[in-house]
């Protein structure tokens, strides 16, 4: 069987980083880990080709070669997913779809042309699909019916199918699931509340495979909560540190974790010594009432500002997600997020308006209250330019305008530079440096792409723009007061090349959506009164 794996195109998002990737001659931030995992779960006597549409177009030669097309994607990719299904069907090819979008909304119209729907986690449903294909079936729908697989049997992903030079970072996965029950989150719907992890040896084998392929850049552990199973994470980290030492720390790591990471010094120490350079936290909002409404109670148990500072002190850069539009939210929520981010100094603060994702607790509650604007099939997914898909408890235009103002304020060039400077004065010395083996050769010269990128950033931020005075003053200050973080300070300054452009994208797309709105929808309180019996 000749299987063509197609990964659909993403729209422009907060994480697109196009301007940054251009500087270092890369196409995409991260690869489609799910697709290469699917390739590893399918029969290995099959032949595979992978086309990531975020890297390049599918070639006519690939269409002609294929006997089967496999497509997977997230809700935000559904537009291109539908287009690629249609392209395959026009050529008379059978199509199998799977992944988060298909699993959460299998009856979405974008998937109508697909012959096979392989839902949920592939360790369970792909064997059903393979059996159907090999028995001659021309269609089918395969579901795990709530069963979750043991991921200790998951094979090493087929990283060899990727065009490695196109990606800035690589992806691996250690765990699936999260123990918390945030109302708006679909992770616990897709993967459950009991985090399942791989064995340490499994993940080490994946890293070794990437190393043998020649990978030497950063790796993102795509776990939605790396510390969801703290016991197993602490079993992995010593093995990870030892492998890093033996290979001279070829990889830096990033991941996602819950805020309670800050309460576990042992975990932070182990992560820092394994070379975790950054972690993404779902902070969501500094408003405690909104956190309680969203059932994100783990964020109310300690000071969020102190938590950020504690993680930062270990040399681990904090990235964070924020949401505006919670029920009962008070006016000025956007400005309060700006003030929180400014106080903590968090450089990358992702903001979005609340979305009710299919089958989440939030979705079911709003559906019961009659407040959903979209049905499941129309759900857009999480993107930073989407308006809320439900009737909020305060005017939607107020929320949208607050969001635009806040996002633009966060990434105004001088404000961003002030924030990054203040943050990197607090970032701790990298704790993995002490485990580096003495160098036996000549110092490694920086890649020409890195030299070129630095030159462009210096020209734009240090000479061309009105940030020039700040740029040189702050760079010299970091070089004097926290020299071990100077390189990362400059890298993070470069990130605003993307955010500068994305500010205008956010503003334009939200303004266009606001123009299409009917007269102001009634607030949710009025809707609720109408639904109550007389």
Protein backbone atom coordinates (compact mmCIF):
# COMPACT_ATOMS: atom_id res chain seq x y z
CA UNK A 1 0.00 0.00 0.00
CA UNK A 2 1.36 3.42 -0.98
CA UNK A 3 0.07 5.89 1.62
CA UNK A 4 0.33 9.64 1.12
CA UNK A 5 0.13 11.48 4.45
CA UNK A 6 -1.02 15.10 4.15
CA UNK A 7 -0.89 17.64 6.96
CA UNK A 8 -3.20 20.63 6.29
CA UNK A 9 -2.15 24.25 6.32
CA UNK A 10 -2.58 26.41 9.41
CA UNK A 11 -3.96 29.95 9.16
CA UNK A 12 -1.72 32.71 10.48
CA UNK A 13 -1.66 32.47 14.29
CA UNK A 14 0.22 33.75 17.34
CA UNK A 15 2.59 30.79 16.98
CA UNK A 16 3.21 31.11 13.22
CA UNK A 17 6.40 33.09 13.79
CA UNK A 18 6.83 33.66 10.04
CA UNK A 19 9.10 36.70 10.42
CA UNK A 20 11.31 34.89 12.92
CA UNK A 21 11.51 31.76 10.79
CA UNK A 22 12.49 33.83 7.77
CA UNK A 23 15.46 35.16 9.72
CA UNK A 24 16.85 31.65 10.30
CA UNK A 25 15.72 30.21 6.94
CA UNK A 26 13.11 27.82 8.35
CA UNK A 27 9.57 27.25 7.09
CA UNK A 28 7.61 26.07 10.14
CA UNK A 29 7.99 26.12 13.91
CA UNK A 30 7.01 22.48 14.62
CA UNK A 31 6.43 19.28 12.60
CA UNK A 32 3.24 17.16 12.50
CA UNK A 33 4.11 14.71 15.26
CA UNK A 34 0.72 13.01 15.00
CA UNK A 35 1.29 12.16 11.33
CA UNK A 36 4.70 10.57 11.85
CA UNK A 37 3.27 8.65 14.83
CA UNK A 38 0.45 7.36 12.61
CA UNK A 39 3.06 6.28 10.05
CA UNK A 40 4.83 4.28 12.76
CA UNK A 41 1.57 2.59 13.82
CA UNK A 42 0.66 1.52 10.29
CA UNK A 43 2.14 -1.65 8.72
CA UNK A 44 5.80 -1.01 8.05
CA UNK A 45 5.72 -2.92 4.77
CA UNK A 46 3.56 -0.08 3.43
CA UNK A 47 5.29 2.75 1.60
CA UNK A 48 4.91 6.31 2.92
CA UNK A 49 5.31 9.85 1.70
CA UNK A 50 4.55 12.86 3.89
CA UNK A 51 3.55 16.29 2.59
CA UNK A 52 3.30 19.02 5.23
CA UNK A 53 1.31 21.78 3.52
CA UNK A 54 2.83 24.30 5.90
CA UNK A 55 6.18 23.51 4.26
CA UNK A 56 5.22 22.94 0.63
CA UNK A 57 2.48 21.94 -1.81
CA UNK A 58 1.58 18.33 -2.53
CA UNK A 59 3.20 17.48 -5.87
CA UNK A 60 1.39 15.92 -8.82
CA UNK A 61 3.93 13.10 -8.67
CA UNK A 62 2.86 12.35 -5.10
CA UNK A 63 -0.83 12.35 -6.04
CA UNK A 64 -0.07 9.97 -8.92
CA UNK A 65 2.00 7.69 -6.68
CA UNK A 66 -0.59 7.38 -3.88
CA UNK A 67 -3.02 4.51 -3.42
CA UNK A 68 -4.41 5.89 -0.15
CA UNK A 69 -4.50 9.41 1.32
CA UNK A 70 -4.37 9.95 5.10
CA UNK A 71 -5.16 13.41 6.50
CA UNK A 72 -5.11 14.59 10.10
CA UNK A 73 -5.51 18.02 11.64
CA UNK A 74 -6.90 20.30 14.31
CA UNK A 75 -10.13 22.30 14.19
CA UNK A 76 -8.27 25.42 13.12
CA UNK A 77 -6.98 23.50 10.06
CA UNK A 78 -10.39 22.31 8.91
CA UNK A 79 -10.57 24.60 5.87
CA UNK A 80 -7.47 23.20 4.21
CA UNK A 81 -8.35 19.73 5.48
CA UNK A 82 -11.57 19.87 3.47
CA UNK A 83 -9.70 21.16 0.43
CA UNK A 84 -7.19 18.30 0.51
CA UNK A 85 -9.93 15.69 0.96
CA UNK A 86 -11.63 17.14 -2.13
CA UNK A 87 -8.34 17.09 -4.08
CA UNK A 88 -7.87 13.43 -3.28
CA UNK A 89 -11.44 12.49 -4.20
CA UNK A 90 -11.16 14.34 -7.52
CA UNK A 91 -8.30 11.99 -8.32
CA UNK A 92 -10.30 8.93 -7.32
CA UNK A 93 -8.23 8.19 -4.22
CA UNK A 94 -9.66 6.75 -0.98
CA UNK A 95 -9.26 9.10 1.99
CA UNK A 96 -8.87 8.36 5.70
CA UNK A 97 -9.14 11.21 8.21
CA UNK A 98 -8.30 11.40 11.90
CA UNK A 99 -6.82 13.63 14.56
CA UNK A 100 -8.36 16.15 16.98
CA UNK A 101 -10.81 17.75 14.51
CA UNK A 102 -12.24 14.47 13.25
CA UNK A 103 -12.34 12.99 16.75
CA UNK A 104 -14.19 15.93 18.29
CA UNK A 105 -16.59 16.59 15.37
CA UNK A 106 -16.73 13.45 13.17
CA UNK A 107 -19.94 14.61 11.47
CA UNK A 108 -18.58 18.01 10.41
CA UNK A 109 -19.44 18.76 6.76
CA UNK A 110 -15.75 19.27 5.94
CA UNK A 111 -15.28 15.53 6.50
CA UNK A 112 -18.27 14.32 4.46
CA UNK A 113 -16.19 13.20 1.47
CA UNK A 114 -13.79 11.09 3.57
CA UNK A 115 -14.14 7.32 3.12
CA UNK A 116 -12.69 6.34 6.49
CA UNK A 117 -12.91 8.18 9.82
CA UNK A 118 -10.27 6.90 12.21
CA UNK A 119 -11.20 8.60 15.47
CA UNK A 120 -9.66 8.94 18.91
CA UNK A 121 -6.19 7.56 19.63
CA UNK A 122 -4.56 5.56 16.87
CA UNK A 123 -3.11 2.83 19.04
CA UNK A 124 -6.67 1.50 19.36
CA UNK A 125 -8.41 2.56 16.15
CA UNK A 126 -5.68 2.18 13.53
CA UNK A 127 -5.61 -1.63 13.89
CA UNK A 128 -9.37 -1.60 13.15
CA UNK A 129 -8.73 0.55 10.08
CA UNK A 130 -5.89 -1.69 8.87
CA UNK A 131 -8.08 -4.77 9.21
CA UNK A 132 -10.85 -3.07 7.22
CA UNK A 133 -8.46 -1.96 4.45
CA UNK A 134 -6.84 -5.39 4.18
CA UNK A 135 -10.26 -7.08 3.99
CA UNK A 136 -11.22 -4.86 1.06
CA UNK A 137 -13.59 -2.42 2.80
CA UNK A 138 -14.18 0.85 0.97
CA UNK A 139 -15.41 2.86 3.97
CA UNK A 140 -15.68 2.75 7.75
CA UNK A 141 -15.78 4.64 11.00
CA UNK A 142 -13.62 3.48 13.88
CA UNK A 143 -13.90 4.68 17.48
CA UNK A 144 -12.34 3.61 20.77
CA UNK A 145 -15.65 4.25 22.59
CA UNK A 146 -13.86 5.99 25.43
CA UNK A 147 -11.06 3.46 25.86
CA UNK A 148 -7.60 5.00 26.29
CA UNK A 149 -4.50 3.14 25.12
CA UNK A 150 -1.41 2.26 27.09
CA UNK A 151 1.22 4.42 25.38
CA UNK A 152 4.11 2.30 26.60
CA UNK A 153 3.61 0.26 23.41
CA UNK A 154 3.66 3.24 21.04
CA UNK A 155 6.52 2.88 18.51
CA UNK A 156 9.13 5.53 17.70
CA UNK A 157 7.56 8.05 15.30
CA UNK A 158 8.79 8.00 11.71
CA UNK A 159 10.85 11.18 12.02
CA UNK A 160 12.73 10.08 8.90
CA UNK A 161 9.69 11.07 6.79
CA UNK A 162 10.07 14.74 7.75
CA UNK A 163 11.97 17.38 5.81
CA UNK A 164 13.99 18.19 8.91
CA UNK A 165 15.62 21.37 7.63
CA UNK A 166 12.19 22.99 7.25
CA UNK A 167 11.49 22.97 11.01
CA UNK A 168 12.83 25.25 13.69
CA UNK A 169 12.05 22.79 16.52
CA UNK A 170 11.21 19.12 16.73
CA UNK A 171 8.33 17.49 18.67
CA UNK A 172 8.16 14.46 20.92
CA UNK A 173 5.49 13.32 23.36
CA UNK A 174 5.91 11.80 26.80
CA UNK A 175 2.38 11.92 28.22
CA UNK A 176 -1.26 12.30 27.25
CA UNK A 177 -4.03 13.64 29.44
CA UNK A 178 -4.30 16.08 32.34
CA UNK A 179 -5.61 15.58 35.90
CA UNK A 180 -7.39 18.94 36.11
CA UNK A 181 -10.89 19.78 34.88
CA UNK A 182 -10.78 23.29 33.41
CA UNK A 183 -14.23 23.91 31.95
CA UNK A 184 -13.03 25.25 28.59
CA UNK A 185 -10.32 22.66 27.88
CA UNK A 186 -10.79 19.88 25.31
CA UNK A 187 -7.62 17.99 26.26
CA UNK A 188 -9.43 16.08 29.00
CA UNK A 189 -12.20 15.31 26.49
CA UNK A 190 -9.78 13.93 23.90
CA UNK A 191 -7.20 12.27 26.18
CA UNK A 192 -8.78 11.89 29.60
CA UNK A 193 -7.98 13.03 33.12
CA UNK A 194 -5.61 10.19 33.96
CA UNK A 195 -2.23 11.13 32.45
CA UNK A 196 -0.61 8.20 30.68
CA UNK A 197 3.12 8.26 30.05
CA UNK A 198 5.71 6.44 28.04
CA UNK A 199 8.58 4.63 29.69
CA UNK A 200 11.76 6.72 30.05
CA UNK A 201 13.58 4.32 27.71
CA UNK A 202 10.97 4.97 25.01
CA UNK A 203 11.51 8.70 25.01
CA UNK A 204 15.28 8.29 25.14
CA UNK A 205 15.05 6.02 22.09
CA UNK A 206 13.10 8.73 20.24
CA UNK A 207 15.76 11.30 21.10
CA UNK A 208 18.49 8.94 19.97
CA UNK A 209 16.69 8.42 16.65
CA UNK A 210 16.50 12.19 16.12
CA UNK A 211 20.15 12.54 17.11
CA UNK A 212 21.15 9.84 14.62
CA UNK A 213 19.19 11.67 11.91
CA UNK A 214 21.39 14.70 12.60
CA UNK A 215 18.97 16.83 14.63
CA UNK A 216 20.77 19.30 16.91
CA UNK A 217 18.21 21.98 17.69
CA UNK A 218 15.41 22.45 20.22
CA UNK A 219 12.73 19.89 21.02
CA UNK A 220 9.22 20.62 22.23
CA UNK A 221 7.56 18.04 24.46
CA UNK A 222 4.00 18.48 23.26
CA UNK A 223 2.46 17.13 26.46
CA UNK A 224 -0.44 19.34 27.46
CA UNK A 225 0.76 19.04 31.03
CA UNK A 226 4.24 17.55 31.36
CA UNK A 227 3.87 17.31 35.14
CA UNK A 228 0.34 15.85 35.05
CA UNK A 229 1.89 12.60 36.26
CA UNK A 230 4.62 13.98 38.52
CA UNK A 231 5.89 10.59 39.62
CA UNK A 232 6.60 9.44 36.08
CA UNK A 233 8.01 12.80 35.01
CA UNK A 234 10.52 12.49 37.84
CA UNK A 235 11.43 9.01 36.62
CA UNK A 236 12.10 10.37 33.13
CA UNK A 237 14.18 13.41 34.03
CA UNK A 238 17.28 11.63 35.49
CA UNK A 239 17.48 9.44 32.38
CA UNK A 240 17.05 12.51 30.19
CA UNK A 241 19.79 14.40 32.04
CA UNK A 242 22.18 11.44 31.75
CA UNK A 243 21.55 11.12 28.01
CA UNK A 244 22.14 14.85 27.58
CA UNK A 245 25.43 14.67 29.48
CA UNK A 246 26.62 11.70 27.41
CA UNK A 247 25.81 13.55 24.18
CA UNK A 248 27.08 17.00 25.27
CA UNK A 249 23.60 18.49 25.65
CA UNK A 250 22.65 18.60 21.94
CA UNK A 251 19.01 19.53 22.63
CA UNK A 252 17.20 22.23 24.54
CA UNK A 253 13.66 21.42 25.64
CA UNK A 254 10.40 23.29 25.98
CA UNK A 255 7.05 22.00 27.20
CA UNK A 256 3.69 22.90 28.76
CA UNK A 257 2.88 22.53 32.44
CA UNK A 258 0.38 23.59 35.05
CA UNK A 259 1.25 26.50 37.35
CA UNK A 260 1.75 24.16 40.31
CA UNK A 261 5.17 23.39 38.80
CA UNK A 262 6.33 26.39 40.84
CA UNK A 263 5.57 24.53 44.08
CA UNK A 264 7.90 21.62 43.23
CA UNK A 265 11.56 22.66 43.59
CA UNK A 266 12.79 19.15 42.90
CA UNK A 267 10.93 19.06 39.57
CA UNK A 268 12.21 22.48 38.52
CA UNK A 269 15.77 21.56 39.46
CA UNK A 270 15.59 18.33 37.45
CA UNK A 271 14.10 20.11 34.45
CA UNK A 272 16.73 22.85 34.59
CA UNK A 273 19.54 20.30 34.77
CA UNK A 274 18.09 18.45 31.77
CA UNK A 275 18.12 21.74 29.81
CA UNK A 276 14.49 22.75 29.77
CA UNK A 277 14.84 26.32 28.58
CA UNK A 278 11.16 27.31 28.58
CA UNK A 279 7.72 26.25 29.74
CA UNK A 280 4.25 27.36 28.66
CA UNK A 281 1.78 28.00 31.50
CA UNK A 282 -1.97 28.37 31.12
CA UNK A 283 -2.34 31.35 33.46
CA UNK A 284 -5.55 32.50 31.66
CA UNK A 285 -6.31 35.56 33.80
CA UNK A 286 -5.18 37.31 36.99
CA UNK A 287 -8.87 37.61 37.98
CA UNK A 288 -9.46 34.96 40.63
CA UNK A 289 -13.25 35.04 40.19
CA UNK A 290 -12.87 34.15 36.52
CA UNK A 291 -10.49 31.31 37.36
CA UNK A 292 -13.09 29.91 39.75
CA UNK A 293 -15.81 30.25 37.10
CA UNK A 294 -13.63 28.31 34.65
CA UNK A 295 -12.89 25.67 37.30
CA UNK A 296 -9.16 26.38 36.98
CA UNK A 297 -8.78 26.19 40.73
CA UNK A 298 -5.13 25.10 40.61
CA UNK A 299 -4.30 28.68 39.60
CA UNK A 300 -5.90 30.11 42.74
CA UNK A 301 -3.85 28.20 45.29
CA UNK A 302 -0.82 30.46 45.27
CA UNK A 303 0.33 33.81 43.93
CA UNK A 304 0.58 33.67 40.14
CA UNK A 305 3.25 36.36 40.13
CA UNK A 306 5.36 34.49 42.67
CA UNK A 307 4.91 31.28 40.68
CA UNK A 308 6.24 32.92 37.53
CA UNK A 309 9.22 34.32 39.43
CA UNK A 310 10.06 30.97 41.04
CA UNK A 311 10.12 29.12 37.72
CA UNK A 312 12.12 31.95 36.14
CA UNK A 313 14.73 31.75 38.90
CA UNK A 314 15.63 28.24 37.72
CA UNK A 315 16.66 29.59 34.31
CA UNK A 316 13.40 28.41 32.70
CA UNK A 317 11.69 31.07 30.58
CA UNK A 318 7.95 31.30 31.17
CA UNK A 319 5.54 31.66 28.25
CA UNK A 320 1.89 32.03 29.13
CA UNK A 321 -1.62 31.90 27.74
CA UNK A 322 -4.35 34.39 28.66
CA UNK A 323 -8.09 34.44 27.93
CA UNK A 324 -10.64 37.24 27.93
CA UNK A 325 -14.43 36.77 27.95
CA UNK A 326 -15.17 34.61 30.99
CA UNK A 327 -18.67 34.71 32.48
CA UNK A 328 -19.03 37.44 35.09
CA UNK A 329 -15.84 39.14 33.95
CA UNK A 330 -15.55 42.79 34.96
CA UNK A 331 -14.75 45.63 32.58
CA UNK A 332 -11.01 46.15 32.13
CA UNK A 333 -10.00 42.48 32.01
CA UNK A 334 -7.69 43.12 29.06
CA UNK A 335 -5.89 45.93 30.85
CA UNK A 336 -5.51 43.79 33.98
CA UNK A 337 -3.79 41.13 31.85
CA UNK A 338 -1.44 43.78 30.42
CA UNK A 339 -0.60 44.97 33.93
CA UNK A 340 0.04 41.41 35.13
CA UNK A 341 2.29 40.61 32.16
CA UNK A 342 4.18 43.87 32.64
CA UNK A 343 4.75 43.17 36.34
CA UNK A 344 5.97 39.63 35.76
CA UNK A 345 7.88 40.48 32.57
CA UNK A 346 6.62 37.39 30.69
CA UNK A 347 7.88 37.99 27.12
CA UNK A 348 5.51 35.73 25.14
CA UNK A 349 1.97 36.27 26.40
CA UNK A 350 -0.56 34.61 24.10
CA UNK A 351 -4.03 36.14 24.32
CA UNK A 352 -7.33 34.99 22.89
CA UNK A 353 -11.05 35.39 23.38
CA UNK A 354 -12.76 32.47 25.08
CA UNK A 355 -13.98 29.73 22.74
CA UNK A 356 -16.43 26.98 23.63
CA UNK A 357 -14.86 23.88 22.07
CA UNK A 358 -17.04 20.89 21.16
CA UNK A 359 -17.90 18.49 24.00
CA UNK A 360 -16.09 20.47 26.70
CA UNK A 361 -17.80 21.27 29.97
CA UNK A 362 -18.13 24.86 28.80
CA UNK A 363 -19.79 23.75 25.56
CA UNK A 364 -22.36 21.61 27.33
CA UNK A 365 -23.15 24.31 29.90
CA UNK A 366 -23.63 27.01 27.28
CA UNK A 367 -25.67 24.67 25.10
CA UNK A 368 -27.98 24.01 28.04
CA UNK A 369 -28.27 27.75 28.67
CA UNK A 370 -29.07 28.45 25.01
CA UNK A 371 -26.04 30.71 24.59
CA UNK A 372 -24.07 29.01 21.82
CA UNK A 373 -23.81 30.93 18.57
CA UNK A 374 -22.35 28.00 16.60
CA UNK A 375 -23.07 24.31 16.45
CA UNK A 376 -20.29 21.74 16.68
CA UNK A 377 -19.84 21.52 12.94
CA UNK A 378 -19.18 25.27 12.73
CA UNK A 379 -16.75 25.43 15.65
CA UNK A 380 -13.67 27.39 14.63
CA UNK A 381 -11.26 26.17 17.22
CA UNK A 382 -8.72 28.23 19.11
CA UNK A 383 -7.21 31.11 17.16
CA UNK A 384 -6.32 34.56 18.40
CA UNK A 385 -8.53 36.31 15.83
CA UNK A 386 -11.80 34.51 16.58
CA UNK A 387 -14.65 36.28 18.32
CA UNK A 388 -16.39 34.38 21.11
CA UNK A 389 -18.71 31.70 19.75
CA UNK A 390 -21.33 32.23 22.45
CA UNK A 391 -23.32 35.07 24.04
CA UNK A 392 -21.07 36.47 26.81
CA UNK A 393 -22.19 38.19 30.00
CA UNK A 394 -20.98 41.59 28.83
CA UNK A 395 -21.12 43.20 25.37
CA UNK A 396 -19.10 41.26 22.81
CA UNK A 397 -17.82 44.47 21.22
CA UNK A 398 -16.42 45.60 24.57
CA UNK A 399 -14.59 42.31 24.99
CA UNK A 400 -13.22 42.39 21.43
CA UNK A 401 -12.02 45.97 21.68
CA UNK A 402 -10.41 45.35 25.06
CA UNK A 403 -8.64 42.36 23.57
CA UNK A 404 -7.28 44.28 20.57
CA UNK A 405 -6.12 47.14 22.79
CA UNK A 406 -4.42 44.73 25.19
CA UNK A 407 -2.69 42.71 22.48
CA UNK A 408 -1.39 45.84 20.76
CA UNK A 409 -0.17 47.24 24.08
CA UNK A 410 1.71 44.04 24.93
CA UNK A 411 3.64 44.05 21.67
CA UNK A 412 4.28 47.76 21.21
CA UNK A 413 8.04 47.64 20.45
CA UNK A 414 9.29 49.80 23.33
CA UNK A 415 6.96 48.17 25.88
CA UNK A 416 8.03 44.72 24.68
CA UNK A 417 11.70 45.60 24.96
CA UNK A 418 11.19 47.01 28.48
CA UNK A 419 9.47 43.80 29.49
CA UNK A 420 12.10 41.48 28.03
CA UNK A 421 14.88 43.47 29.70
CA UNK A 422 13.22 43.36 33.11
CA UNK A 423 12.52 39.65 32.69
CA UNK A 424 16.06 38.65 31.73
CA UNK A 425 17.45 40.40 34.76
CA UNK A 426 15.51 37.77 36.76
CA UNK A 427 16.22 34.65 34.70
CA UNK A 428 18.49 32.29 36.60
CA UNK A 429 21.82 30.97 35.33
CA UNK A 430 21.38 27.81 33.20
CA UNK A 431 21.90 24.95 35.63
CA UNK A 432 22.88 22.42 32.97
CA UNK A 433 26.11 24.27 32.17
CA UNK A 434 27.83 22.68 35.16
CA UNK A 435 27.41 19.21 33.62
CA UNK A 436 29.03 20.05 30.28
CA UNK A 437 32.16 18.06 29.59
CA UNK A 438 35.36 20.06 28.96
CA UNK A 439 35.68 20.93 25.28
CA UNK A 440 38.29 18.91 23.38
CA UNK A 441 38.19 20.84 20.12
CA UNK A 442 38.01 24.29 18.63
CA UNK A 443 35.05 26.43 19.68
CA UNK A 444 31.99 25.86 17.53
CA UNK A 445 31.31 28.81 15.26
CA UNK A 446 27.74 30.08 14.97
CA UNK A 447 25.82 29.11 11.84
CA UNK A 448 25.70 31.72 9.10
CA UNK A 449 21.90 31.79 9.36
CA UNK A 450 22.22 32.78 13.03
CA UNK A 451 24.76 35.50 12.22
CA UNK A 452 22.47 36.83 9.49
CA UNK A 453 19.46 36.79 11.81
CA UNK A 454 21.35 38.67 14.52
CA UNK A 455 22.53 41.26 12.01
CA UNK A 456 18.97 41.91 10.84
CA UNK A 457 17.68 42.27 14.40
CA UNK A 458 20.49 44.65 15.31
CA UNK A 459 19.76 46.72 12.19
CA UNK A 460 16.01 46.89 12.77
CA UNK A 461 15.83 47.24 16.54
CA UNK A 462 19.22 48.81 17.29
CA UNK A 463 19.56 51.29 14.42
CA UNK A 464 16.46 51.73 12.25
CA UNK A 465 13.63 52.01 14.81
CA UNK A 466 13.04 54.30 17.75
CA UNK A 467 13.95 51.39 20.04
CA UNK A 468 17.64 51.96 19.23
CA UNK A 469 18.57 53.61 22.53
CA UNK A 470 16.81 50.96 24.58
CA UNK A 471 18.32 48.15 22.50
CA UNK A 472 21.94 49.08 23.18
CA UNK A 473 21.38 50.13 26.80
CA UNK A 474 19.51 46.93 27.64
CA UNK A 475 21.91 44.65 25.78
CA UNK A 476 24.89 46.09 27.64
CA UNK A 477 23.01 45.85 30.93
CA UNK A 478 22.22 42.15 30.42
CA UNK A 479 25.80 41.50 29.30
CA UNK A 480 27.02 43.05 32.55
CA UNK A 481 24.43 41.72 35.02
CA UNK A 482 23.29 38.37 33.56
CA UNK A 483 25.80 37.42 30.83
CA UNK A 484 24.82 33.74 30.69
CA UNK A 485 21.40 34.83 29.36
CA UNK A 486 22.59 37.38 26.79
CA UNK A 487 22.09 35.08 23.80
CA UNK A 488 18.56 34.14 24.86
CA UNK A 489 17.79 37.81 25.58
CA UNK A 490 18.62 38.68 21.97
CA UNK A 491 16.65 35.69 20.64
CA UNK A 492 13.55 36.76 22.56
CA UNK A 493 13.95 40.37 21.39
CA UNK A 494 13.91 39.01 17.85
CA UNK A 495 10.52 37.41 18.47
CA UNK A 496 8.84 40.78 18.32
CA UNK A 497 9.55 40.87 14.58
CA UNK A 498 6.62 38.45 14.33
CA UNK A 499 4.41 40.09 16.93
CA UNK A 500 4.79 43.50 15.32
CA UNK A 501 3.16 42.18 12.16
CA UNK A 502 0.67 40.01 14.00
CA UNK A 503 -0.70 43.02 15.89
CA UNK A 504 -2.06 44.35 12.60
CA UNK A 505 -3.46 40.91 11.69
CA UNK A 506 -5.34 40.70 14.99
CA UNK A 507 -6.69 44.24 14.65
CA UNK A 508 -7.82 43.84 11.03
CA UNK A 509 -9.45 40.42 11.38
CA UNK A 510 -11.36 41.29 14.55
CA UNK A 511 -12.54 44.61 13.13
CA UNK A 512 -13.80 42.79 10.03
CA UNK A 513 -15.76 40.33 12.18
CA UNK A 514 -17.26 43.11 14.29
CA UNK A 515 -18.58 44.77 11.12
CA UNK A 516 -20.57 41.64 10.29
CA UNK A 517 -22.24 41.37 13.70
CA UNK A 518 -25.93 42.20 14.00
CA UNK A 519 -26.99 44.83 16.52
CA UNK A 520 -25.60 43.99 19.94
CA UNK A 521 -26.73 40.57 21.13
CA UNK A 522 -28.57 40.67 24.45
CA UNK A 523 -26.34 39.95 27.43
CA UNK A 524 -26.42 36.42 28.79
CA UNK A 525 -28.37 37.50 31.87
CA UNK A 526 -31.31 38.51 29.63
CA UNK A 527 -31.08 35.26 27.71
CA UNK A 528 -31.18 33.28 30.92
CA UNK A 529 -34.30 35.16 32.09
CA UNK A 530 -36.07 34.39 28.81
CA UNK A 531 -35.28 30.70 29.27
CA UNK A 532 -36.71 30.56 32.75
CA UNK A 533 -40.31 29.32 33.11
CA UNK A 534 -42.89 31.96 34.03
